[in-house]
Amino acid sequence: MSNNRCCATDPLVKEELEESLLKLRAEIPQEKKIENISKILTGLSHPLRLKMALLLLIKDQCVCELVQLTGNESKPNLVSHHLTILRKSGIVSAYMQANWKYYKLKENVIPVLKEIERTLK
């Protein structure tokens, strides 16, 4: 008898394999959840975007704060560009307060970022 469990021909081994696969399939997250996390991770895949998202975990911030905190004083357009990507990825939303545009994290992203933040400490 072969130890190759993926090509099991023995009825007992085949049954055991099928039971194992059934248990594993039950552990796979729903496809929609996988797609949502993938979209978030794609949006965070640039170091500047990840840094800005982690800063937004602390509090909502305007562009000028993010420019200063990320050390991009000479490149404010770069910060704006990456904020646009974060917004289009569904990671942040924007609102106006007086004459300033503030950015905040969307609720569904916060648990993902907190987990990332936890691993960075």
PDB file of N, CA and C in Angstrom:
ATOM      1  N   MET A   1       0.840  -1.182   0.000  1.00  0.00           N
ATOM      2  CA  MET A   1       0.000   0.000   0.000  1.00  0.00           C
ATOM      3  C   MET A   1       0.883   1.241   0.000  1.00  0.00           C
ATOM      4  N   SER A   2       0.535   2.214  -0.789  1.00  0.00           N
ATOM      5  CA  SER A   2       1.291   3.459  -0.907  1.00  0.00           C
ATOM      6  C   SER A   2       0.936   4.404   0.236  1.00  0.00           C
ATOM      7  N   ASN A   3       1.900   5.230   0.637  1.00  0.00           N
ATOM      8  CA  ASN A   3       1.643   6.257   1.654  1.00  0.00           C
ATOM      9  C   ASN A   3       1.108   7.533   1.037  1.00  0.00           C
ATOM     10  N   ASN A   4       0.877   7.548  -0.249  1.00  0.00           N
ATOM     11  CA  ASN A   4       0.364   8.730  -0.933  1.00  0.00           C
ATOM     12  C   ASN A   4      -1.132   8.870  -0.634  1.00  0.00           C
ATOM     13  N   ARG A   5      -1.452   9.671   0.365  1.00  0.00           N
ATOM     14  CA  ARG A   5      -2.830   9.800   0.841  1.00  0.00           C
ATOM     15  C   ARG A   5      -3.718  10.558  -0.139  1.00  0.00           C
ATOM     16  N   CYS A   6      -3.129  11.364  -1.014  1.00  0.00           N
ATOM     17  CA  CYS A   6      -3.939  12.131  -1.961  1.00  0.00           C
ATOM     18  C   CYS A   6      -4.501  11.250  -3.075  1.00  0.00           C
ATOM     19  N   CYS A   7      -3.868  10.149  -3.297  1.00  0.00           N
ATOM     20  CA  CYS A   7      -4.324   9.237  -4.352  1.00  0.00           C
ATOM     21  C   CYS A   7      -4.762   7.911  -3.739  1.00  0.00           C
ATOM     22  N   ALA A   8      -5.357   7.995  -2.590  1.00  0.00           N
ATOM     23  CA  ALA A   8      -5.708   6.787  -1.838  1.00  0.00           C
ATOM     24  C   ALA A   8      -6.697   5.930  -2.612  1.00  0.00           C
ATOM     25  N   THR A   9      -6.368   4.652  -2.710  1.00  0.00           N
ATOM     26  CA  THR A   9      -7.287   3.699  -3.337  1.00  0.00           C
ATOM     27  C   THR A   9      -7.893   2.773  -2.299  1.00  0.00           C
ATOM     28  N   ASP A  10      -7.247   2.659  -1.159  1.00  0.00           N
ATOM     29  CA  ASP A  10      -7.771   1.837  -0.069  1.00  0.00           C
ATOM     30  C   ASP A  10      -9.035   2.517   0.460  1.00  0.00           C
ATOM     31  N   PRO A  11     -10.160   1.819   0.536  1.00  0.00           N
ATOM     32  CA  PRO A  11     -11.427   2.415   0.981  1.00  0.00           C
ATOM     33  C   PRO A  11     -11.340   3.083   2.356  1.00  0.00           C
ATOM     34  N   LEU A  12     -10.608   2.480   3.298  1.00  0.00           N
ATOM     35  CA  LEU A  12     -10.491   3.073   4.632  1.00  0.00           C
ATOM     36  C   LEU A  12      -9.693   4.373   4.603  1.00  0.00           C
ATOM     37  N   VAL A  13      -8.608   4.370   3.851  1.00  0.00           N
ATOM     38  CA  VAL A  13      -7.780   5.579   3.726  1.00  0.00           C
ATOM     39  C   VAL A  13      -8.565   6.657   2.986  1.00  0.00           C
ATOM     40  N   LYS A  14      -9.300   6.261   1.960  1.00  0.00           N
ATOM     41  CA  LYS A  14     -10.095   7.203   1.179  1.00  0.00           C
ATOM     42  C   LYS A  14     -11.172   7.847   2.058  1.00  0.00           C
ATOM     43  N   GLU A  15     -11.817   7.062   2.890  1.00  0.00           N
ATOM     44  CA  GLU A  15     -12.846   7.588   3.796  1.00  0.00           C
ATOM     45  C   GLU A  15     -12.229   8.571   4.792  1.00  0.00           C
ATOM     46  N   GLU A  16     -11.066   8.207   5.336  1.00  0.00           N
ATOM     47  CA  GLU A  16     -10.369   9.087   6.285  1.00  0.00           C
ATOM     48  C   GLU A  16      -9.983  10.407   5.606  1.00  0.00           C
ATOM     49  N   LEU A  17      -9.514  10.321   4.374  1.00  0.00           N
ATOM     50  CA  LEU A  17      -9.138  11.501   3.605  1.00  0.00           C
ATOM     51  C   LEU A  17     -10.350  12.396   3.367  1.00  0.00           C
ATOM     52  N   GLU A  18     -11.467  11.801   2.989  1.00  0.00           N
ATOM     53  CA  GLU A  18     -12.686  12.567   2.736  1.00  0.00           C
ATOM     54  C   GLU A  18     -13.172  13.269   4.002  1.00  0.00           C
ATOM     55  N   GLU A  19     -13.086  12.596   5.144  1.00  0.00           N
ATOM     56  CA  GLU A  19     -13.465  13.216   6.420  1.00  0.00           C
ATOM     57  C   GLU A  19     -12.546  14.388   6.738  1.00  0.00           C
ATOM     58  N   SER A  20     -11.265  14.199   6.500  1.00  0.00           N
ATOM     59  CA  SER A  20     -10.284  15.262   6.741  1.00  0.00           C
ATOM     60  C   SER A  20     -10.559  16.466   5.851  1.00  0.00           C
ATOM     61  N   LEU A  21     -10.853  16.222   4.587  1.00  0.00           N
ATOM     62  CA  LEU A  21     -11.153  17.309   3.653  1.00  0.00           C
ATOM     63  C   LEU A  21     -12.425  18.047   4.048  1.00  0.00           C
ATOM     64  N   LEU A  22     -13.406  17.311   4.514  1.00  0.00           N
ATOM     65  CA  LEU A  22     -14.656  17.917   4.950  1.00  0.00           C
ATOM     66  C   LEU A  22     -14.408  18.878   6.115  1.00  0.00           C
ATOM     67  N   LYS A  23     -13.593  18.459   7.075  1.00  0.00           N
ATOM     68  CA  LYS A  23     -13.255  19.315   8.225  1.00  0.00           C
ATOM     69  C   LYS A  23     -12.480  20.555   7.770  1.00  0.00           C
ATOM     70  N   LEU A  24     -11.536  20.358   6.858  1.00  0.00           N
ATOM     71  CA  LEU A  24     -10.747  21.484   6.368  1.00  0.00           C
ATOM     72  C   LEU A  24     -11.606  22.480   5.596  1.00  0.00           C
ATOM     73  N   ARG A  25     -12.529  21.984   4.786  1.00  0.00           N
ATOM     74  CA  ARG A  25     -13.413  22.877   4.024  1.00  0.00           C
ATOM     75  C   ARG A  25     -14.256  23.743   4.957  1.00  0.00           C
ATOM     76  N   ALA A  26     -14.645  23.193   6.099  1.00  0.00           N
ATOM     77  CA  ALA A  26     -15.453  23.945   7.074  1.00  0.00           C
ATOM     78  C   ALA A  26     -14.648  25.088   7.691  1.00  0.00           C
ATOM     79  N   GLU A  27     -13.324  24.976   7.677  1.00  0.00           N
ATOM     80  CA  GLU A  27     -12.449  25.998   8.261  1.00  0.00           C
ATOM     81  C   GLU A  27     -12.133  27.140   7.297  1.00  0.00           C
ATOM     82  N   ILE A  28     -12.387  26.952   6.018  1.00  0.00           N
ATOM     83  CA  ILE A  28     -12.075  27.978   5.021  1.00  0.00           C
ATOM     84  C   ILE A  28     -13.067  29.135   5.175  1.00  0.00           C
ATOM     85  N   PRO A  29     -12.550  30.373   5.318  1.00  0.00           N
ATOM     86  CA  PRO A  29     -13.467  31.523   5.431  1.00  0.00           C
ATOM     87  C   PRO A  29     -14.306  31.680   4.162  1.00  0.00           C
ATOM     88  N   GLN A  30     -15.426  32.367   4.308  1.00  0.00           N
ATOM     89  CA  GLN A  30     -16.298  32.610   3.165  1.00  0.00           C
ATOM     90  C   GLN A  30     -15.542  33.398   2.098  1.00  0.00           C
ATOM     91  N   GLU A  31     -15.853  33.129   0.842  1.00  0.00           N
ATOM     92  CA  GLU A  31     -15.178  33.769  -0.286  1.00  0.00           C
ATOM     93  C   GLU A  31     -15.283  35.296  -0.209  1.00  0.00           C
ATOM     94  N   LYS A  32     -16.426  35.807   0.198  1.00  0.00           N
ATOM     95  CA  LYS A  32     -16.615  37.266   0.279  1.00  0.00           C
ATOM     96  C   LYS A  32     -15.675  37.872   1.319  1.00  0.00           C
ATOM     97  N   LYS A  33     -15.490  37.199   2.448  1.00  0.00           N
ATOM     98  CA  LYS A  33     -14.573  37.691   3.480  1.00  0.00           C
ATOM     99  C   LYS A  33     -13.142  37.704   2.964  1.00  0.00           C
ATOM    100  N   ILE A  34     -12.766  36.663   2.239  1.00  0.00           N
ATOM    101  CA  ILE A  34     -11.421  36.599   1.667  1.00  0.00           C
ATOM    102  C   ILE A  34     -11.223  37.746   0.671  1.00  0.00           C
ATOM    103  N   GLU A  35     -12.214  38.005  -0.169  1.00  0.00           N
ATOM    104  CA  GLU A  35     -12.128  39.099  -1.136  1.00  0.00           C
ATOM    105  C   GLU A  35     -12.000  40.446  -0.434  1.00  0.00           C
ATOM    106  N   ASN A  36     -12.768  40.662   0.634  1.00  0.00           N
ATOM    107  CA  ASN A  36     -12.705  41.934   1.369  1.00  0.00           C
ATOM    108  C   ASN A  36     -11.336  42.155   2.003  1.00  0.00           C
ATOM    109  N   ILE A  37     -10.795  41.136   2.647  1.00  0.00           N
ATOM    110  CA  ILE A  37      -9.475  41.251   3.265  1.00  0.00           C
ATOM    111  C   ILE A  37      -8.414  41.469   2.189  1.00  0.00           C
ATOM    112  N   SER A  38      -8.542  40.778   1.071  1.00  0.00           N
ATOM    113  CA  SER A  38      -7.590  40.942  -0.022  1.00  0.00           C
ATOM    114  C   SER A  38      -7.585  42.378  -0.536  1.00  0.00           C
ATOM    115  N   LYS A  39      -8.758  42.974  -0.664  1.00  0.00           N
ATOM    116  CA  LYS A  39      -8.866  44.360  -1.132  1.00  0.00           C
ATOM    117  C   LYS A  39      -8.203  45.308  -0.126  1.00  0.00           C
ATOM    118  N   ILE A  40      -8.423  45.080   1.157  1.00  0.00           N
ATOM    119  CA  ILE A  40      -7.800  45.910   2.192  1.00  0.00           C
ATOM    120  C   ILE A  40      -6.281  45.773   2.131  1.00  0.00           C
ATOM    121  N   LEU A  41      -5.794  44.542   2.062  1.00  0.00           N
ATOM    122  CA  LEU A  41      -4.348  44.314   2.048  1.00  0.00           C
ATOM    123  C   LEU A  41      -3.708  44.898   0.793  1.00  0.00           C
ATOM    124  N   THR A  42      -4.401  44.838  -0.334  1.00  0.00           N
ATOM    125  CA  THR A  42      -3.891  45.454  -1.557  1.00  0.00           C
ATOM    126  C   THR A  42      -3.773  46.964  -1.371  1.00  0.00           C
ATOM    127  N   GLY A  43      -4.790  47.567  -0.770  1.00  0.00           N
ATOM    128  CA  GLY A  43      -4.764  49.007  -0.515  1.00  0.00           C
ATOM    129  C   GLY A  43      -3.660  49.423   0.436  1.00  0.00           C
ATOM    130  N   LEU A  44      -3.284  48.533   1.335  1.00  0.00           N
ATOM    131  CA  LEU A  44      -2.240  48.834   2.322  1.00  0.00           C
ATOM    132  C   LEU A  44      -0.850  48.392   1.869  1.00  0.00           C
ATOM    133  N   SER A  45      -0.725  47.931   0.641  1.00  0.00           N
ATOM    134  CA  SER A  45       0.514  47.287   0.209  1.00  0.00           C
ATOM    135  C   SER A  45       1.699  48.230  -0.031  1.00  0.00           C
ATOM    136  N   HIS A  46       1.495  49.516   0.081  1.00  0.00           N
ATOM    137  CA  HIS A  46       2.606  50.475  -0.021  1.00  0.00           C
ATOM    138  C   HIS A  46       2.956  50.959   1.387  1.00  0.00           C
ATOM    139  N   PRO A  47       4.245  51.055   1.719  1.00  0.00           N
ATOM    140  CA  PRO A  47       4.632  51.464   3.074  1.00  0.00           C
ATOM    141  C   PRO A  47       4.015  52.793   3.531  1.00  0.00           C
ATOM    142  N   LEU A  48       3.913  53.773   2.627  1.00  0.00           N
ATOM    143  CA  LEU A  48       3.329  55.060   3.019  1.00  0.00           C
ATOM    144  C   LEU A  48       1.839  54.914   3.336  1.00  0.00           C
ATOM    145  N   ARG A  49       1.131  54.115   2.555  1.00  0.00           N
ATOM    146  CA  ARG A  49      -0.302  53.916   2.827  1.00  0.00           C
ATOM    147  C   ARG A  49      -0.507  53.174   4.137  1.00  0.00           C
ATOM    148  N   LEU A  50       0.315  52.186   4.405  1.00  0.00           N
ATOM    149  CA  LEU A  50       0.208  51.460   5.673  1.00  0.00           C
ATOM    150  C   LEU A  50       0.503  52.398   6.840  1.00  0.00           C
ATOM    151  N   LYS A  51       1.533  53.211   6.710  1.00  0.00           N
ATOM    152  CA  LYS A  51       1.888  54.160   7.764  1.00  0.00           C
ATOM    153  C   LYS A  51       0.744  55.144   8.024  1.00  0.00           C
ATOM    154  N   MET A  52       0.149  55.681   6.955  1.00  0.00           N
ATOM    155  CA  MET A  52      -0.957  56.625   7.128  1.00  0.00           C
ATOM    156  C   MET A  52      -2.161  55.942   7.775  1.00  0.00           C
ATOM    157  N   ALA A  53      -2.445  54.719   7.370  1.00  0.00           N
ATOM    158  CA  ALA A  53      -3.579  53.994   7.961  1.00  0.00           C
ATOM    159  C   ALA A  53      -3.342  53.752   9.448  1.00  0.00           C
ATOM    160  N   LEU A  54      -2.105  53.405   9.808  1.00  0.00           N
ATOM    161  CA  LEU A  54      -1.797  53.201  11.229  1.00  0.00           C
ATOM    162  C   LEU A  54      -1.906  54.516  12.011  1.00  0.00           C
ATOM    163  N   LEU A  55      -1.538  55.618  11.390  1.00  0.00           N
ATOM    164  CA  LEU A  55      -1.711  56.927  12.036  1.00  0.00           C
ATOM    165  C   LEU A  55      -3.195  57.262  12.213  1.00  0.00           C
ATOM    166  N   LEU A  56      -4.007  56.847  11.251  1.00  0.00           N
ATOM    167  CA  LEU A  56      -5.445  57.099  11.349  1.00  0.00           C
ATOM    168  C   LEU A  56      -6.113  56.214  12.391  1.00  0.00           C
ATOM    169  N   LEU A  57      -5.432  55.160  12.818  1.00  0.00           N
ATOM    170  CA  LEU A  57      -5.943  54.361  13.944  1.00  0.00           C
ATOM    171  C   LEU A  57      -5.961  55.193  15.222  1.00  0.00           C
ATOM    172  N   ILE A  58      -5.010  56.118  15.321  1.00  0.00           N
ATOM    173  CA  ILE A  58      -4.894  56.961  16.508  1.00  0.00           C
ATOM    174  C   ILE A  58      -6.018  57.984  16.554  1.00  0.00           C
ATOM    175  N   LYS A  59      -6.229  58.669  15.416  1.00  0.00           N
ATOM    176  CA  LYS A  59      -7.322  59.654  15.326  1.00  0.00           C
ATOM    177  C   LYS A  59      -7.509  60.065  13.874  1.00  0.00           C
ATOM    178  N   ASP A  60      -8.670  60.634  13.572  1.00  0.00           N
ATOM    179  CA  ASP A  60      -8.914  61.207  12.254  1.00  0.00           C
ATOM    180  C   ASP A  60      -7.903  62.341  12.048  1.00  0.00           C
ATOM    181  N   GLN A  61      -7.433  62.489  10.812  1.00  0.00           N
ATOM    182  CA  GLN A  61      -6.424  63.511  10.554  1.00  0.00           C
ATOM    183  C   GLN A  61      -6.650  64.172   9.212  1.00  0.00           C
ATOM    184  N   CYS A  62      -6.201  65.430   9.122  1.00  0.00           N
ATOM    185  CA  CYS A  62      -6.263  66.133   7.843  1.00  0.00           C
ATOM    186  C   CYS A  62      -4.980  65.851   7.067  1.00  0.00           C
ATOM    187  N   VAL A  63      -4.986  66.218   5.798  1.00  0.00           N
ATOM    188  CA  VAL A  63      -3.844  65.949   4.935  1.00  0.00           C
ATOM    189  C   VAL A  63      -2.575  66.590   5.487  1.00  0.00           C
ATOM    190  N   CYS A  64      -2.674  67.837   5.964  1.00  0.00           N
ATOM    191  CA  CYS A  64      -1.463  68.519   6.434  1.00  0.00           C
ATOM    192  C   CYS A  64      -0.848  67.802   7.636  1.00  0.00           C
ATOM    193  N   GLU A  65      -1.659  67.209   8.497  1.00  0.00           N
ATOM    194  CA  GLU A  65      -1.125  66.425   9.619  1.00  0.00           C
ATOM    195  C   GLU A  65      -0.412  65.176   9.102  1.00  0.00           C
ATOM    196  N   LEU A  66      -1.033  64.504   8.147  1.00  0.00           N
ATOM    197  CA  LEU A  66      -0.426  63.291   7.593  1.00  0.00           C
ATOM    198  C   LEU A  66       0.869  63.603   6.848  1.00  0.00           C
ATOM    199  N   VAL A  67       0.915  64.731   6.160  1.00  0.00           N
ATOM    200  CA  VAL A  67       2.139  65.141   5.477  1.00  0.00           C
ATOM    201  C   VAL A  67       3.264  65.300   6.493  1.00  0.00           C
ATOM    202  N   GLN A  68       2.978  65.982   7.604  1.00  0.00           N
ATOM    203  CA  GLN A  68       3.989  66.205   8.643  1.00  0.00           C
ATOM    204  C   GLN A  68       4.392  64.894   9.324  1.00  0.00           C
ATOM    205  N   LEU A  69       3.403  64.111   9.717  1.00  0.00           N
ATOM    206  CA  LEU A  69       3.683  62.886  10.472  1.00  0.00           C
ATOM    207  C   LEU A  69       4.412  61.818   9.657  1.00  0.00           C
ATOM    208  N   THR A  70       4.241  61.848   8.345  1.00  0.00           N
ATOM    209  CA  THR A  70       4.915  60.858   7.499  1.00  0.00           C
ATOM    210  C   THR A  70       6.254  61.370   6.974  1.00  0.00           C
ATOM    211  N   GLY A  71       6.593  62.612   7.305  1.00  0.00           N
ATOM    212  CA  GLY A  71       7.867  63.166   6.851  1.00  0.00           C
ATOM    213  C   GLY A  71       7.893  63.496   5.372  1.00  0.00           C
ATOM    214  N   ASN A  72       6.755  63.859   4.833  1.00  0.00           N
ATOM    215  CA  ASN A  72       6.659  64.176   3.409  1.00  0.00           C
ATOM    216  C   ASN A  72       6.348  65.651   3.170  1.00  0.00           C
ATOM    217  N   GLU A  73       6.966  66.518   3.962  1.00  0.00           N
ATOM    218  CA  GLU A  73       6.709  67.952   3.846  1.00  0.00           C
ATOM    219  C   GLU A  73       6.991  68.482   2.437  1.00  0.00           C
ATOM    220  N   SER A  74       7.961  67.908   1.777  1.00  0.00           N
ATOM    221  CA  SER A  74       8.303  68.367   0.425  1.00  0.00           C
ATOM    222  C   SER A  74       7.463  67.669  -0.649  1.00  0.00           C
ATOM    223  N   LYS A  75       6.620  66.717  -0.236  1.00  0.00           N
ATOM    224  CA  LYS A  75       5.825  65.950  -1.208  1.00  0.00           C
ATOM    225  C   LYS A  75       4.364  65.802  -0.770  1.00  0.00           C
ATOM    226  N   PRO A  76       3.665  66.912  -0.528  1.00  0.00           N
ATOM    227  CA  PRO A  76       2.262  66.772  -0.098  1.00  0.00           C
ATOM    228  C   PRO A  76       1.381  66.095  -1.147  1.00  0.00           C
ATOM    229  N   ASN A  77       1.742  66.251  -2.433  1.00  0.00           N
ATOM    230  CA  ASN A  77       0.944  65.608  -3.489  1.00  0.00           C
ATOM    231  C   ASN A  77       1.042  64.090  -3.406  1.00  0.00           C
ATOM    232  N   LEU A  78       2.185  63.589  -2.951  1.00  0.00           N
ATOM    233  CA  LEU A  78       2.366  62.152  -2.787  1.00  0.00           C
ATOM    234  C   LEU A  78       1.401  61.610  -1.728  1.00  0.00           C
ATOM    235  N   VAL A  79       1.276  62.327  -0.630  1.00  0.00           N
ATOM    236  CA  VAL A  79       0.346  61.924   0.435  1.00  0.00           C
ATOM    237  C   VAL A  79      -1.086  61.948  -0.090  1.00  0.00           C
ATOM    238  N   SER A  80      -1.448  63.004  -0.803  1.00  0.00           N
ATOM    239  CA  SER A  80      -2.800  63.094  -1.382  1.00  0.00           C
ATOM    240  C   SER A  80      -3.065  61.949  -2.350  1.00  0.00           C
ATOM    241  N   HIS A  81      -2.079  61.623  -3.155  1.00  0.00           N
ATOM    242  CA  HIS A  81      -2.217  60.518  -4.108  1.00  0.00           C
ATOM    243  C   HIS A  81      -2.505  59.200  -3.374  1.00  0.00           C
ATOM    244  N   HIS A  82      -1.747  58.934  -2.324  1.00  0.00           N
ATOM    245  CA  HIS A  82      -1.943  57.683  -1.588  1.00  0.00           C
ATOM    246  C   HIS A  82      -3.246  57.687  -0.784  1.00  0.00           C
ATOM    247  N   LEU A  83      -3.683  58.845  -0.343  1.00  0.00           N
ATOM    248  CA  LEU A  83      -4.991  58.930   0.321  1.00  0.00           C
ATOM    249  C   LEU A  83      -6.107  58.591  -0.668  1.00  0.00           C
ATOM    250  N   THR A  84      -5.956  59.012  -1.887  1.00  0.00           N
ATOM    251  CA  THR A  84      -6.944  58.679  -2.926  1.00  0.00           C
ATOM    252  C   THR A  84      -7.009  57.164  -3.124  1.00  0.00           C
ATOM    253  N   ILE A  85      -5.853  56.521  -3.147  1.00  0.00           N
ATOM    254  CA  ILE A  85      -5.826  55.058  -3.290  1.00  0.00           C
ATOM    255  C   ILE A  85      -6.490  54.397  -2.083  1.00  0.00           C
ATOM    256  N   LEU A  86      -6.200  54.896  -0.884  1.00  0.00           N
ATOM    257  CA  LEU A  86      -6.837  54.348   0.326  1.00  0.00           C
ATOM    258  C   LEU A  86      -8.352  54.520   0.270  1.00  0.00           C
ATOM    259  N   ARG A  87      -8.804  55.657  -0.231  1.00  0.00           N
ATOM    260  CA  ARG A  87     -10.242  55.903  -0.332  1.00  0.00           C
ATOM    261  C   ARG A  87     -10.873  54.973  -1.365  1.00  0.00           C
ATOM    262  N   LYS A  88     -10.227  54.830  -2.514  1.00  0.00           N
ATOM    263  CA  LYS A  88     -10.766  53.960  -3.568  1.00  0.00           C
ATOM    264  C   LYS A  88     -10.725  52.481  -3.164  1.00  0.00           C
ATOM    265  N   SER A  89      -9.824  52.141  -2.271  1.00  0.00           N
ATOM    266  CA  SER A  89      -9.734  50.760  -1.767  1.00  0.00           C
ATOM    267  C   SER A  89     -10.741  50.492  -0.660  1.00  0.00           C
ATOM    268  N   GLY A  90     -11.489  51.504  -0.252  1.00  0.00           N
ATOM    269  CA  GLY A  90     -12.484  51.329   0.801  1.00  0.00           C
ATOM    270  C   GLY A  90     -11.885  51.303   2.197  1.00  0.00           C
ATOM    271  N   ILE A  91     -10.700  51.865   2.360  1.00  0.00           N
ATOM    272  CA  ILE A  91     -10.027  51.848   3.652  1.00  0.00           C
ATOM    273  C   ILE A  91     -10.327  53.101   4.454  1.00  0.00           C
ATOM    274  N   VAL A  92     -10.406  54.241   3.787  1.00  0.00           N
ATOM    275  CA  VAL A  92     -10.701  55.501   4.468  1.00  0.00           C
ATOM    276  C   VAL A  92     -11.880  56.199   3.797  1.00  0.00           C
ATOM    277  N   SER A  93     -12.453  57.105   4.547  1.00  0.00           N
ATOM    278  CA  SER A  93     -13.440  58.024   3.993  1.00  0.00           C
ATOM    279  C   SER A  93     -13.020  59.420   4.421  1.00  0.00           C
ATOM    280  N   ALA A  94     -13.591  60.418   3.775  1.00  0.00           N
ATOM    281  CA  ALA A  94     -13.225  61.804   4.070  1.00  0.00           C
ATOM    282  C   ALA A  94     -14.463  62.592   4.471  1.00  0.00           C
ATOM    283  N   TYR A  95     -14.243  63.598   5.296  1.00  0.00           N
ATOM    284  CA  TYR A  95     -15.315  64.521   5.667  1.00  0.00           C
ATOM    285  C   TYR A  95     -14.714  65.905   5.858  1.00  0.00           C
ATOM    286  N   MET A  96     -15.547  66.901   5.733  1.00  0.00           N
ATOM    287  CA  MET A  96     -15.103  68.286   5.900  1.00  0.00           C
ATOM    288  C   MET A  96     -15.406  68.752   7.311  1.00  0.00           C
ATOM    289  N   GLN A  97     -14.466  69.471   7.877  1.00  0.00           N
ATOM    290  CA  GLN A  97     -14.667  70.125   9.169  1.00  0.00           C
ATOM    291  C   GLN A  97     -14.110  71.533   9.008  1.00  0.00           C
ATOM    292  N   ALA A  98     -15.001  72.510   9.028  1.00  0.00           N
ATOM    293  CA  ALA A  98     -14.656  73.895   8.692  1.00  0.00           C
ATOM    294  C   ALA A  98     -14.091  73.887   7.273  1.00  0.00           C
ATOM    295  N   ASN A  99     -12.876  74.366   7.089  1.00  0.00           N
ATOM    296  CA  ASN A  99     -12.273  74.393   5.752  1.00  0.00           C
ATOM    297  C   ASN A  99     -11.312  73.235   5.507  1.00  0.00           C
ATOM    298  N   TRP A 100     -11.264  72.278   6.420  1.00  0.00           N
ATOM    299  CA  TRP A 100     -10.287  71.212   6.346  1.00  0.00           C
ATOM    300  C   TRP A 100     -10.946  69.877   5.999  1.00  0.00           C
ATOM    301  N   LYS A 101     -10.255  69.120   5.166  1.00  0.00           N
ATOM    302  CA  LYS A 101     -10.726  67.781   4.819  1.00  0.00           C
ATOM    303  C   LYS A 101     -10.012  66.785   5.725  1.00  0.00           C
ATOM    304  N   TYR A 102     -10.795  66.024   6.466  1.00  0.00           N
ATOM    305  CA  TYR A 102     -10.253  65.024   7.374  1.00  0.00           C
ATOM    306  C   TYR A 102     -10.506  63.623   6.820  1.00  0.00           C
ATOM    307  N   TYR A 103      -9.583  62.736   7.148  1.00  0.00           N
ATOM    308  CA  TYR A 103      -9.708  61.345   6.739  1.00  0.00           C
ATOM    309  C   TYR A 103      -9.875  60.468   7.967  1.00  0.00           C
ATOM    310  N   LYS A 104     -10.691  59.446   7.820  1.00  0.00           N
ATOM    311  CA  LYS A 104     -10.889  58.494   8.910  1.00  0.00           C
ATOM    312  C   LYS A 104     -10.982  57.091   8.327  1.00  0.00           C
ATOM    313  N   LEU A 105     -10.651  56.127   9.174  1.00  0.00           N
ATOM    314  CA  LEU A 105     -10.723  54.734   8.758  1.00  0.00           C
ATOM    315  C   LEU A 105     -12.168  54.262   8.710  1.00  0.00           C
ATOM    316  N   LYS A 106     -12.461  53.398   7.777  1.00  0.00           N
ATOM    317  CA  LYS A 106     -13.780  52.762   7.755  1.00  0.00           C
ATOM    318  C   LYS A 106     -13.782  51.664   8.820  1.00  0.00           C
ATOM    319  N   GLU A 107     -14.926  51.444   9.399  1.00  0.00           N
ATOM    320  CA  GLU A 107     -15.054  50.531  10.542  1.00  0.00           C
ATOM    321  C   GLU A 107     -14.556  49.116  10.252  1.00  0.00           C
ATOM    322  N   ASN A 108     -14.816  48.613   9.050  1.00  0.00           N
ATOM    323  CA  ASN A 108     -14.436  47.227   8.739  1.00  0.00           C
ATOM    324  C   ASN A 108     -12.919  47.031   8.638  1.00  0.00           C
ATOM    325  N   VAL A 109     -12.168  48.118   8.537  1.00  0.00           N
ATOM    326  CA  VAL A 109     -10.714  48.046   8.386  1.00  0.00           C
ATOM    327  C   VAL A 109     -10.006  48.061   9.739  1.00  0.00           C
ATOM    328  N   ILE A 110     -10.645  48.624  10.735  1.00  0.00           N
ATOM    329  CA  ILE A 110     -10.009  48.813  12.043  1.00  0.00           C
ATOM    330  C   ILE A 110      -9.502  47.502  12.648  1.00  0.00           C
ATOM    331  N   PRO A 111     -10.285  46.414  12.673  1.00  0.00           N
ATOM    332  CA  PRO A 111      -9.753  45.167  13.245  1.00  0.00           C
ATOM    333  C   PRO A 111      -8.515  44.645  12.505  1.00  0.00           C
ATOM    334  N   VAL A 112      -8.494  44.789  11.192  1.00  0.00           N
ATOM    335  CA  VAL A 112      -7.350  44.333  10.406  1.00  0.00           C
ATOM    336  C   VAL A 112      -6.110  45.149  10.774  1.00  0.00           C
ATOM    337  N   LEU A 113      -6.284  46.465  10.856  1.00  0.00           N
ATOM    338  CA  LEU A 113      -5.148  47.330  11.195  1.00  0.00           C
ATOM    339  C   LEU A 113      -4.679  47.124  12.630  1.00  0.00           C
ATOM    340  N   LYS A 114      -5.595  46.873  13.533  1.00  0.00           N
ATOM    341  CA  LYS A 114      -5.185  46.608  14.915  1.00  0.00           C
ATOM    342  C   LYS A 114      -4.352  45.335  15.004  1.00  0.00           C
ATOM    343  N   GLU A 115      -4.700  44.348  14.199  1.00  0.00           N
ATOM    344  CA  GLU A 115      -3.919  43.114  14.166  1.00  0.00           C
ATOM    345  C   GLU A 115      -2.528  43.368  13.580  1.00  0.00           C
ATOM    346  N   ILE A 116      -2.474  44.169  12.518  1.00  0.00           N
ATOM    347  CA  ILE A 116      -1.181  44.532  11.931  1.00  0.00           C
ATOM    348  C   ILE A 116      -0.353  45.309  12.951  1.00  0.00           C
ATOM    349  N   GLU A 117      -0.986  46.265  13.607  1.00  0.00           N
ATOM    350  CA  GLU A 117      -0.294  47.076  14.613  1.00  0.00           C
ATOM    351  C   GLU A 117       0.264  46.187  15.739  1.00  0.00           C
ATOM    352  N   ARG A 118      -0.529  45.211  16.139  1.00  0.00           N
ATOM    353  CA  ARG A 118      -0.115  44.302  17.200  1.00  0.00           C
ATOM    354  C   ARG A 118       1.142  43.522  16.786  1.00  0.00           C
ATOM    355  N   THR A 119       1.202  43.115  15.544  1.00  0.00           N
ATOM    356  CA  THR A 119       2.372  42.353  15.090  1.00  0.00           C
ATOM    357  C   THR A 119       3.611  43.225  14.939  1.00  0.00           C
ATOM    358  N   LEU A 120       3.425  44.534  14.794  1.00  0.00           N
ATOM    359  CA  LEU A 120       4.558  45.448  14.641  1.00  0.00           C
ATOM    360  C   LEU A 120       5.188  45.833  15.973  1.00  0.00           C
ATOM    361  N   LYS A 121       4.520  45.554  17.068  1.00  0.00           N
ATOM    362  CA  LYS A 121       5.051  45.949  18.381  1.00  0.00           C
ATOM    363  C   LYS A 121       6.000  44.937  18.938  1.00  0.00           C
TER     364      LYS A 121
END
